[in-house]
Amino acid sequence: MTGARIAVIAGDGIGGEVIDSARAVLDAVSARHGIELSYTEFDWSCQRYQQTGAMMPEDGIETLRAFDAIFLGAVGWPGVPDHVSLWGLLIPIRRAFRQYVNLRPIKVFDGVRSPLRTADKVDFVVVRENVEGEYSEIGGRMNRGFPDEMAVQESVFTRVGVSRIADYALELARTRRGYVTSATKSNGIVHTLPFWDEVVAERAAAYPDVQVDSEHIDALAAKFVLQPQRFDVVVGSNLFGDILSDLAAAVAGSIGIAPSANLDPTREFPSMFEPVHGSAPDIAGKGVANPVGAVWSAAMMLDHLGFPEAAADVLAAMEATLAQPQTRTRDLGGTASTAEVTAALIAELG
């Protein structure tokens, strides 16, 4: 592959700002490596929802099916409930395209101050199960408006789902330091998490070269703060992985630099790449948003599409700019605007 077709959904708030920055970086590194990326933009967003009553059109999934990857900026805006924006766009894409891996790398870069005193040499990956678990659609509400109103939400853990996310984490660990930590709560959640533990242990038996530990989620969250450098690959259910990855991003200094990939490892369907910082309405339009999370997500997209050298160049440019306060945004203790960070990244790419 010398090129790829990218569906771009800038979304809401700072989504458009960071997407523009990342695309400029992608253009620079693509020119350097002779890669041809074509972009098709879609205005699917909360603004569209407010105008039409839908985050995306009815044929949105079929429209996206033709692309090699999806690049998403952010979703969410005041006046549109979060469950409407997420279940109207992000989650349907993840599930329709079997993006069962949510991959979130965590690293403390030189020059970036972690809020922790012991966060040097932190470099790990959270592997989150992305399509089942606690975020199922099974449940409902009864007796609305009465004193005995109730809500029921069912978790769904399948052998297929747990097996494939465990296998992905174990395979990934083989390319890193060979250590997997499985997040659980099987001492308190009596059915689903013991099942998770059993299946993870079964899959781990086929990887004698990988060390596998199981940690209860509460203790694991504490160890993310107290001993973050000990971790290599952390695998968790949809809810646990979601919470742990945001905690880990804070350990790394700012959620503004945190990337993610929603992956279909079979490559039958397009995968989706997005920063995890959200739409940040409070700073939208001010030109101060940190574009690094989107740029890092773009690097992950390049790697997934088969351009690892280009991805490595983007990461090297990120490391160089993050090391200097004049090319870091304010959330990282710097003074640079979004445009100034973008220009510095492009300059590093030559």
Protein backbone atom coordinates (compact mmCIF):
# COMPACT_ATOMS: atom_id res chain seq x y z
CA MET A 1 0.00 0.00 0.00
CA THR A 2 1.37 3.42 -0.97
CA GLY A 3 -1.70 5.34 0.11
CA ALA A 4 -4.95 5.13 2.04
CA ARG A 5 -8.45 6.59 2.11
CA ILE A 6 -9.23 8.32 5.39
CA ALA A 7 -12.70 9.29 6.61
CA VAL A 8 -12.36 12.41 8.74
CA ILE A 9 -14.96 13.22 11.40
CA ALA A 10 -13.79 16.38 13.17
CA GLY A 11 -16.80 16.29 15.50
CA ASP A 12 -17.24 18.93 18.19
CA GLY A 13 -15.34 21.60 20.09
CA ILE A 14 -11.58 21.39 19.71
CA GLY A 15 -12.01 18.34 17.48
CA GLY A 16 -11.66 20.40 14.31
CA GLU A 17 -8.61 22.26 15.66
CA VAL A 18 -6.63 19.16 16.59
CA ILE A 19 -7.67 17.31 13.44
CA ASP A 20 -6.39 20.19 11.30
CA SER A 21 -3.11 20.08 13.20
CA ALA A 22 -2.75 16.33 12.84
CA ARG A 23 -3.57 16.47 9.14
CA ALA A 24 -0.85 19.07 8.60
CA VAL A 25 1.62 16.75 10.31
CA LEU A 26 0.35 13.80 8.27
CA ASP A 27 0.84 15.80 5.07
CA ALA A 28 4.41 16.61 6.05
CA VAL A 29 5.40 13.06 6.91
CA SER A 30 3.54 11.68 3.89
CA ALA A 31 5.54 13.94 1.58
CA ARG A 32 8.72 12.72 3.23
CA HIS A 33 7.84 9.05 2.70
CA GLY A 34 5.93 9.21 -0.57
CA ILE A 35 2.61 8.24 0.99
CA GLU A 36 -0.63 9.29 -0.65
CA LEU A 37 -3.44 9.90 1.83
CA SER A 38 -6.85 11.03 0.62
CA TYR A 39 -9.35 12.55 3.02
CA THR A 40 -13.13 12.72 2.94
CA GLU A 41 -14.70 14.97 5.57
CA PHE A 42 -18.01 14.33 7.33
CA ASP A 43 -19.85 16.89 9.46
CA TRP A 44 -21.22 14.31 11.88
CA SER A 45 -21.42 16.00 15.27
CA CYS A 46 -23.61 17.36 18.05
CA GLN A 47 -24.29 20.38 15.88
CA ARG A 48 -25.70 18.04 13.24
CA TYR A 49 -27.78 16.35 15.95
CA GLN A 50 -29.24 19.69 17.03
CA GLN A 51 -30.16 20.46 13.42
CA THR A 52 -31.40 17.06 12.23
CA GLY A 53 -31.97 14.89 15.32
CA ALA A 54 -29.20 12.44 14.39
CA MET A 55 -25.44 12.43 14.95
CA MET A 56 -24.92 10.81 11.55
CA PRO A 57 -27.17 9.80 8.65
CA GLU A 58 -28.89 6.42 8.51
CA ASP A 59 -26.40 5.16 5.94
CA GLY A 60 -23.41 6.44 7.90
CA ILE A 61 -21.94 3.03 8.67
CA GLU A 62 -22.23 1.90 5.07
CA THR A 63 -20.59 5.12 3.95
CA LEU A 64 -17.61 4.53 6.25
CA ARG A 65 -17.21 0.91 5.18
CA ALA A 66 -15.38 1.94 2.00
CA PHE A 67 -12.51 3.65 3.85
CA ASP A 68 -9.19 2.27 5.07
CA ALA A 69 -9.37 4.15 8.38
CA ILE A 70 -11.46 6.67 10.29
CA PHE A 71 -9.90 9.71 11.97
CA LEU A 72 -12.09 11.25 14.69
CA GLY A 73 -11.53 14.53 16.52
CA ALA A 74 -13.92 14.65 19.47
CA VAL A 75 -17.59 14.14 20.31
CA GLY A 76 -19.70 16.04 22.82
CA TRP A 77 -21.23 19.47 23.34
CA PRO A 78 -23.34 21.20 26.01
CA GLY A 79 -27.02 20.67 25.39
CA VAL A 80 -26.59 17.21 23.92
CA PRO A 81 -26.50 14.44 26.57
CA ASP A 82 -23.30 12.39 26.46
CA HIS A 83 -25.15 9.11 26.01
CA VAL A 84 -26.86 10.58 22.94
CA SER A 85 -23.63 11.74 21.30
CA LEU A 86 -21.71 8.56 22.08
CA TRP A 87 -24.43 6.07 21.22
CA GLY A 88 -25.31 8.07 18.13
CA LEU A 89 -21.84 7.99 16.60
CA LEU A 90 -18.81 6.57 18.39
CA ILE A 91 -20.20 3.34 19.82
CA PRO A 92 -22.14 2.29 16.69
CA ILE A 93 -18.93 2.68 14.64
CA ARG A 94 -16.93 0.60 17.09
CA ARG A 95 -19.49 -2.18 17.09
CA ALA A 96 -20.43 -2.24 13.42
CA PHE A 97 -16.76 -2.56 12.47
CA ARG A 98 -15.85 -5.05 15.22
CA GLN A 99 -13.26 -2.71 16.69
CA TYR A 100 -12.87 -4.88 19.74
CA VAL A 101 -9.46 -3.53 20.78
CA ASN A 102 -9.13 -0.06 22.24
CA LEU A 103 -5.40 0.57 22.41
CA ARG A 104 -4.06 3.39 24.58
CA PRO A 105 -0.29 3.82 24.95
CA ILE A 106 0.99 5.71 27.99
CA LYS A 107 4.40 7.34 28.22
CA VAL A 108 6.04 10.07 30.27
CA PHE A 109 8.06 12.05 27.75
CA ASP A 110 11.24 13.98 28.51
CA GLY A 111 10.32 17.52 29.50
CA VAL A 112 6.75 16.64 30.49
CA ARG A 113 6.17 16.79 34.22
CA SER A 114 4.01 14.07 35.70
CA PRO A 115 2.04 14.98 38.83
CA LEU A 116 3.75 11.98 40.42
CA ARG A 117 7.24 12.13 41.87
CA THR A 118 7.99 8.54 40.82
CA ALA A 119 6.81 8.59 37.21
CA ASP A 120 10.15 8.43 35.40
CA LYS A 121 10.52 5.64 32.81
CA VAL A 122 6.77 5.08 32.55
CA ASP A 123 5.97 3.35 29.26
CA PHE A 124 3.02 0.97 29.10
CA VAL A 125 -0.13 0.21 27.09
CA VAL A 126 -3.72 -0.23 28.22
CA VAL A 127 -5.62 -2.77 26.11
CA ARG A 128 -9.33 -2.23 26.64
CA GLU A 129 -12.04 -4.63 25.48
CA ASN A 130 -14.12 -2.32 23.33
CA VAL A 131 -17.44 -3.84 22.25
CA GLU A 132 -19.03 -5.80 25.11
CA GLY A 133 -18.57 -6.06 28.89
CA GLU A 134 -20.27 -3.45 31.02
CA TYR A 135 -21.27 -1.27 28.03
CA SER A 136 -23.97 -3.59 26.76
CA GLU A 137 -27.33 -2.51 25.41
CA ILE A 138 -29.21 -5.02 27.56
CA GLY A 139 -31.34 -3.48 30.31
CA GLY A 140 -33.97 -0.86 30.82
CA ARG A 141 -35.93 1.30 33.23
CA MET A 142 -39.22 0.66 34.96
CA ASN A 143 -41.72 2.70 36.94
CA ARG A 144 -40.47 6.02 35.61
CA GLY A 145 -41.47 8.93 37.83
CA PHE A 146 -42.59 6.78 40.77
CA PRO A 147 -40.76 6.32 44.09
CA ASP A 148 -39.88 2.74 43.14
CA GLU A 149 -38.37 3.70 39.79
CA MET A 150 -35.53 1.37 38.85
CA ALA A 151 -32.84 0.88 36.21
CA VAL A 152 -31.15 -2.38 35.19
CA GLN A 153 -27.98 -2.63 33.11
CA GLU A 154 -26.60 -6.04 32.20
CA SER A 155 -22.92 -6.81 31.61
CA VAL A 156 -22.07 -9.23 28.82
CA PHE A 157 -18.83 -11.19 28.80
CA THR A 158 -18.43 -13.85 26.11
CA ARG A 159 -15.74 -16.48 25.75
CA VAL A 160 -15.00 -15.18 22.26
CA GLY A 161 -14.76 -11.59 23.47
CA VAL A 162 -12.51 -12.26 26.46
CA SER A 163 -10.33 -14.72 24.54
CA ARG A 164 -9.56 -12.40 21.65
CA ILE A 165 -8.73 -9.38 23.84
CA ALA A 166 -6.52 -11.55 26.05
CA ASP A 167 -4.76 -12.95 22.98
CA TYR A 168 -4.18 -9.44 21.64
CA ALA A 169 -2.65 -8.31 24.94
CA LEU A 170 -0.45 -11.41 25.18
CA GLU A 171 0.79 -11.05 21.61
CA LEU A 172 1.50 -7.36 22.19
CA ALA A 173 3.45 -8.17 25.36
CA ARG A 174 5.69 -10.47 23.32
CA THR A 175 6.80 -7.43 21.32
CA ARG A 176 7.45 -5.40 24.48
CA ARG A 177 8.70 -6.53 27.93
CA GLY A 178 6.67 -9.72 28.15
CA TYR A 179 4.45 -8.75 31.07
CA VAL A 180 0.64 -8.57 31.17
CA THR A 181 -1.49 -7.31 34.06
CA SER A 182 -5.16 -8.32 33.93
CA ALA A 183 -7.64 -6.00 35.65
CA THR A 184 -10.38 -7.82 37.58
CA LYS A 185 -12.74 -7.56 40.54
CA SER A 186 -13.58 -11.23 40.94
CA ASN A 187 -13.71 -10.99 44.73
CA GLY A 188 -16.81 -8.78 44.55
CA ILE A 189 -18.42 -9.33 41.13
CA VAL A 190 -19.44 -12.94 41.38
CA HIS A 191 -20.13 -14.10 37.81
CA THR A 192 -18.56 -12.03 35.05
CA LEU A 193 -15.15 -11.27 36.51
CA PRO A 194 -14.37 -14.84 37.71
CA PHE A 195 -15.26 -15.86 34.14
CA TRP A 196 -12.87 -13.17 32.83
CA ASP A 197 -10.12 -14.52 35.11
CA GLU A 198 -10.67 -18.10 33.98
CA VAL A 199 -10.56 -17.29 30.28
CA VAL A 200 -7.50 -15.02 30.62
CA ALA A 201 -5.69 -17.80 32.50
CA GLU A 202 -6.61 -20.32 29.81
CA ARG A 203 -5.25 -18.08 27.05
CA ALA A 204 -2.13 -17.23 29.06
CA ALA A 205 -1.24 -20.93 29.27
CA ALA A 206 -0.34 -20.79 25.57
CA TYR A 207 2.17 -17.98 26.27
CA PRO A 208 4.69 -19.43 28.74
CA ASP A 209 7.13 -16.66 27.77
CA VAL A 210 4.76 -13.95 29.03
CA GLN A 211 4.35 -13.21 32.75
CA VAL A 212 0.70 -12.65 33.63
CA ASP A 213 -0.57 -11.15 36.88
CA SER A 214 -4.16 -10.52 37.91
CA GLU A 215 -4.92 -7.41 39.97
CA HIS A 216 -8.18 -6.23 41.52
CA ILE A 217 -9.18 -2.94 39.94
CA ASP A 218 -9.08 -0.92 43.16
CA ALA A 219 -5.57 -2.08 44.06
CA LEU A 220 -4.49 -1.68 40.44
CA ALA A 221 -5.66 1.94 40.35
CA ALA A 222 -3.57 2.61 43.45
CA LYS A 223 -0.52 0.96 41.89
CA PHE A 224 -0.92 3.10 38.75
CA VAL A 225 -0.22 6.03 41.07
CA LEU A 226 2.35 4.43 43.37
CA GLN A 227 4.27 2.18 40.95
CA PRO A 228 3.43 3.22 37.36
CA GLN A 229 6.80 2.17 35.98
CA ARG A 230 6.18 -1.51 36.80
CA PHE A 231 3.51 -1.98 34.09
CA ASP A 232 3.96 -3.12 30.50
CA VAL A 233 0.62 -4.26 29.01
CA VAL A 234 -2.57 -3.85 31.07
CA VAL A 235 -5.70 -5.60 29.80
CA GLY A 236 -9.16 -4.87 31.11
CA SER A 237 -12.86 -4.99 30.40
CA ASN A 238 -14.67 -2.15 28.67
CA LEU A 239 -15.36 -0.20 31.88
CA PHE A 240 -12.12 -1.01 33.69
CA GLY A 241 -10.01 -0.26 30.62
CA ASP A 242 -11.81 3.04 30.09
CA ILE A 243 -11.18 4.25 33.63
CA LEU A 244 -7.61 2.97 33.87
CA SER A 245 -6.53 4.54 30.59
CA ASP A 246 -7.71 8.01 31.63
CA LEU A 247 -6.00 7.61 35.00
CA ALA A 248 -2.84 6.57 33.19
CA ALA A 249 -3.05 9.61 30.91
CA ALA A 250 -3.12 11.84 33.98
CA VAL A 251 -0.05 10.01 35.32
CA ALA A 252 1.68 10.82 32.02
CA GLY A 253 1.12 14.53 32.57
CA SER A 254 -1.99 15.47 30.60
CA ILE A 255 -4.95 13.85 28.93
CA GLY A 256 -4.20 16.27 26.10
CA ILE A 257 -1.43 14.02 24.79
CA ALA A 258 -3.34 10.75 25.14
CA PRO A 259 -4.07 8.88 21.87
CA SER A 260 -6.21 5.85 21.14
CA ALA A 261 -6.90 3.34 18.42
CA ASN A 262 -10.14 1.40 17.99
CA LEU A 263 -8.87 -1.64 16.13
CA ASP A 264 -10.32 -4.48 14.14
CA PRO A 265 -7.19 -6.66 14.22
CA THR A 266 -8.59 -8.84 11.41
CA ARG A 267 -8.56 -5.74 9.15
CA GLU A 268 -11.87 -6.79 7.62
CA PHE A 269 -13.31 -3.42 8.62
CA PRO A 270 -11.78 0.05 8.97
CA SER A 271 -10.26 0.94 12.31
CA MET A 272 -10.78 4.31 14.00
CA PHE A 273 -8.22 6.60 15.61
CA GLU A 274 -8.96 9.44 18.04
CA PRO A 275 -7.45 11.46 20.86
CA VAL A 276 -9.18 10.81 24.17
CA HIS A 277 -9.32 14.37 25.55
CA GLY A 278 -12.89 15.07 24.45
CA SER A 279 -14.31 18.21 22.88
CA ALA A 280 -13.22 20.63 25.67
CA PRO A 281 -15.92 23.31 25.06
CA ASP A 282 -14.23 25.65 27.56
CA ILE A 283 -11.19 26.17 25.30
CA ALA A 284 -12.74 25.58 21.87
CA GLY A 285 -11.84 28.31 19.39
CA LYS A 286 -9.09 29.83 21.56
CA GLY A 287 -6.20 28.25 19.70
CA VAL A 288 -4.68 26.71 22.82
CA ALA A 289 -5.77 23.06 22.48
CA ASN A 290 -3.00 20.49 22.73
CA PRO A 291 -2.79 18.73 19.34
CA VAL A 292 -0.39 16.00 20.48
CA GLY A 293 -3.10 13.47 21.34
CA ALA A 294 -4.46 13.75 17.79
CA VAL A 295 -0.98 13.70 16.28
CA TRP A 296 -0.06 10.58 18.26
CA SER A 297 -3.34 8.98 17.18
CA ALA A 298 -2.39 9.82 13.58
CA ALA A 299 0.95 8.07 14.10
CA MET A 300 -0.91 4.98 15.35
CA MET A 301 -3.07 5.17 12.22
CA LEU A 302 0.02 5.29 10.00
CA ASP A 303 1.46 2.26 11.75
CA HIS A 304 -1.81 0.33 11.38
CA LEU A 305 -1.99 1.21 7.68
CA GLY A 306 1.47 -0.24 7.08
CA PHE A 307 3.70 2.83 7.32
CA PRO A 308 5.76 2.17 10.48
CA GLU A 309 8.72 4.33 9.42
CA ALA A 310 6.46 7.35 8.95
CA ALA A 311 4.81 6.64 12.31
CA ALA A 312 8.23 6.50 13.99
CA ASP A 313 9.17 9.86 12.47
CA VAL A 314 6.01 11.46 13.87
CA LEU A 315 6.76 10.05 17.33
CA ALA A 316 10.33 11.36 17.14
CA ALA A 317 9.01 14.81 16.22
CA MET A 318 6.61 14.66 19.16
CA GLU A 319 9.40 13.76 21.56
CA ALA A 320 11.58 16.61 20.30
CA THR A 321 8.86 19.26 20.62
CA LEU A 322 7.60 18.04 23.99
CA ALA A 323 11.11 18.36 25.39
CA GLN A 324 11.05 22.16 24.97
CA PRO A 325 8.70 24.46 26.92
CA GLN A 326 8.37 26.88 23.99
CA THR A 327 6.84 24.09 21.90
CA ARG A 328 4.53 22.70 24.60
CA THR A 329 0.99 23.89 25.20
CA ARG A 330 -0.17 25.38 28.49
CA ASP A 331 -1.60 22.15 29.90
CA LEU A 332 2.00 20.85 29.88
CA GLY A 333 3.51 23.95 31.45
CA GLY A 334 4.51 25.53 28.14
CA THR A 335 3.51 28.67 26.30
CA ALA A 336 2.81 27.50 22.75
CA SER A 337 -0.45 27.75 20.88
CA THR A 338 -1.94 24.93 18.84
CA ALA A 339 -0.55 26.51 15.66
CA GLU A 340 2.93 26.93 17.15
CA VAL A 341 3.08 23.28 18.23
CA THR A 342 1.93 22.23 14.76
CA ALA A 343 4.59 24.37 13.08
CA ALA A 344 7.27 22.93 15.37
CA LEU A 345 6.23 19.38 14.58
CA ILE A 346 6.33 20.07 10.84
CA ALA A 347 9.75 21.70 11.18
CA GLU A 348 11.06 18.58 12.96
CA LEU A 349 9.81 16.50 10.02
CA GLY A 350 11.89 18.59 7.64
